[in-house]
Protein backbone atom coordinates (compact mmCIF):
# COMPACT_ATOMS: atom_id res chain seq x y z
CA MET A 1 -20.62 -0.19 31.50
CA PRO A 2 -16.79 -0.37 31.12
CA ARG A 3 -15.36 0.35 27.67
CA LYS A 4 -13.48 -2.44 26.19
CA ALA A 5 -9.77 -1.81 24.69
CA LYS A 6 -9.50 -2.25 21.19
CA ALA A 7 -7.77 -5.30 20.27
CA TYR A 8 -5.10 -5.04 17.47
CA ARG A 9 -3.70 -7.66 15.74
CA ARG A 10 0.29 -7.60 15.96
CA ARG A 11 2.00 -7.58 12.77
CA PRO A 12 5.79 -8.29 12.34
CA PRO A 13 7.92 -5.11 12.30
CA ARG A 14 7.93 -3.35 9.09
CA ARG A 15 10.21 -1.02 7.34
CA VAL A 16 8.36 2.47 7.07
CA LEU A 17 9.78 5.68 5.48
CA VAL A 18 7.98 8.85 6.95
CA VAL A 19 8.46 11.77 4.67
CA ASP A 20 7.13 15.34 5.69
CA GLU A 21 8.48 18.83 5.12
CA ASP A 22 7.56 19.59 8.94
CA LEU A 23 10.41 18.22 10.89
CA GLN A 24 8.34 17.86 14.16
CA ALA A 25 5.61 16.13 12.42
CA ALA A 26 7.75 13.51 10.79
CA GLN A 27 9.59 12.94 13.93
CA GLY A 28 6.53 12.71 16.10
CA ILE A 29 4.85 9.96 13.64
CA ALA A 30 8.30 8.26 13.61
CA VAL A 31 8.32 8.18 17.54
CA LEU A 32 4.88 6.57 17.31
CA LEU A 33 5.92 3.98 14.80
CA LYS A 34 9.15 3.14 16.51
CA HIS A 35 6.72 2.67 20.03
CA LEU A 36 4.74 0.10 17.96
CA GLY A 37 7.80 -1.96 17.14
CA HIS A 38 8.58 -0.76 13.52
CA ASP A 39 11.76 0.10 11.82
CA VAL A 40 11.61 3.92 10.47
CA GLN A 41 13.65 6.14 8.48
CA VAL A 42 12.75 9.72 8.22
CA ALA A 43 13.22 12.21 5.29
CA HIS A 44 12.00 15.89 4.67
CA ASP A 45 12.28 16.59 0.99
CA GLY A 46 11.52 14.64 -2.15
CA ILE A 47 15.06 14.08 -2.99
CA ALA A 48 16.09 12.86 0.27
CA ALA A 49 12.84 10.58 0.23
CA LEU A 50 13.77 9.01 -3.22
CA ALA A 51 17.47 8.07 -1.84
CA ALA A 52 16.13 6.86 1.54
CA ALA A 53 13.45 4.61 -0.51
CA ARG A 54 16.14 3.14 -2.82
CA SER A 55 18.54 2.57 -0.19
CA ASN A 56 15.99 1.07 2.64
CA ASN A 57 13.37 -0.50 0.55
CA PRO A 58 10.37 0.34 2.79
CA GLN A 59 7.44 -1.80 3.05
CA LEU A 60 5.24 1.39 3.72
CA VAL A 61 5.70 4.99 2.74
CA LEU A 62 3.89 7.83 4.60
CA LEU A 63 4.59 10.78 2.30
CA GLY A 64 3.57 14.53 2.66
CA LEU A 65 2.45 16.14 -0.23
CA LYS A 66 4.18 19.53 -0.06
CA LEU A 67 7.73 18.70 0.03
CA PRO A 68 10.80 20.91 -1.14
CA GLY A 69 12.47 20.06 -4.33
CA VAL A 70 10.49 17.23 -5.45
CA ASP A 71 6.78 17.39 -4.09
CA GLY A 72 4.85 14.14 -2.67
CA TYR A 73 3.36 13.48 -6.11
CA GLY A 74 6.82 13.68 -7.99
CA VAL A 75 8.10 11.11 -5.37
CA LEU A 76 4.81 8.95 -5.70
CA GLN A 77 5.61 8.70 -9.76
CA ASN A 78 9.06 8.21 -9.33
CA LEU A 79 8.52 5.33 -6.64
CA ARG A 80 5.74 3.84 -9.16
CA LEU A 81 8.21 3.50 -11.98
CA ASP A 82 10.55 1.32 -9.91
CA GLU A 83 9.71 -2.28 -9.60
CA ARG A 84 10.77 -2.63 -6.17
CA PHE A 85 7.97 -0.17 -4.79
CA SER A 86 5.15 -1.47 -7.08
CA ARG A 87 3.39 -3.54 -4.29
CA ALA A 88 4.52 -1.03 -1.35
CA PRO A 89 1.67 0.93 -0.08
CA ILE A 90 2.12 4.61 -0.33
CA VAL A 91 0.00 6.76 1.88
CA ALA A 92 -0.47 10.40 1.34
CA MET A 93 -0.44 12.66 4.34
CA ALA A 94 -1.80 16.22 4.29
CA ARG A 95 -3.36 18.91 6.62
CA LEU A 96 -6.20 19.22 4.27
CA GLY A 97 -8.95 16.57 3.72
CA HIS A 98 -11.36 16.56 0.73
CA GLU A 99 -9.74 18.23 -2.12
CA ASP A 100 -6.10 16.68 -1.40
CA ARG A 101 -8.01 13.42 -0.92
CA GLU A 102 -9.38 13.63 -4.27
CA ARG A 103 -6.17 14.52 -5.90
CA SER A 104 -4.23 11.90 -3.97
CA ARG A 105 -6.47 9.14 -4.94
CA ALA A 106 -6.39 10.17 -8.75
CA ALA A 107 -2.44 10.41 -8.53
CA GLY A 108 -2.44 6.82 -7.45
CA PHE A 109 -1.81 6.93 -3.61
CA ASP A 110 -3.14 3.87 -1.58
CA GLU A 111 -4.79 6.04 1.11
CA HIS A 112 -4.79 9.56 2.25
CA VAL A 113 -4.87 10.60 5.79
CA VAL A 114 -5.26 13.94 7.50
CA LYS A 115 -2.31 15.49 9.66
CA PRO A 116 -1.91 15.17 12.70
CA ILE A 117 -2.20 11.60 12.75
CA ARG A 118 -3.36 10.17 16.17
CA LEU A 119 -1.88 6.90 17.36
CA ASP A 120 -5.05 4.72 16.90
CA ALA A 121 -5.34 5.90 13.30
CA LEU A 122 -1.62 4.98 12.71
CA ARG A 123 -2.27 1.66 14.29
CA SER A 124 -5.45 1.27 12.12
CA LEU A 125 -3.39 2.32 8.92
CA ILE A 126 -0.59 -0.05 9.59
CA GLU A 127 -3.06 -2.93 10.25
CA ARG A 128 -4.64 -2.32 6.61
CA PHE A 129 -1.42 -2.52 5.00
């Protein structure tokens, strides 16, 4: 029996900030998001992430946890203090699953994904937010 392709609800393009200390990982996620039609900005450390967020007002933030300078938890705290980001979903990205997932949930992230992120998982994530 032939397998049906998954149907995805098409959302309008969104402003997405991708933050990861791994340049290749961040660029790879950005390419996938651009392929899906989104406006993407990339940062590789906590200070750059905060500056990028404040200048671009992203509608979704994909945030690595082990960033140089200010780590992902610090970036999350700073963004949550800013009224402009009180409703923007902020998603933790990490190579580890269970332990980081519990800590990120307790810190206030809206979601936690394990890297590397596959295209279908990224689509699903975008659709939820």
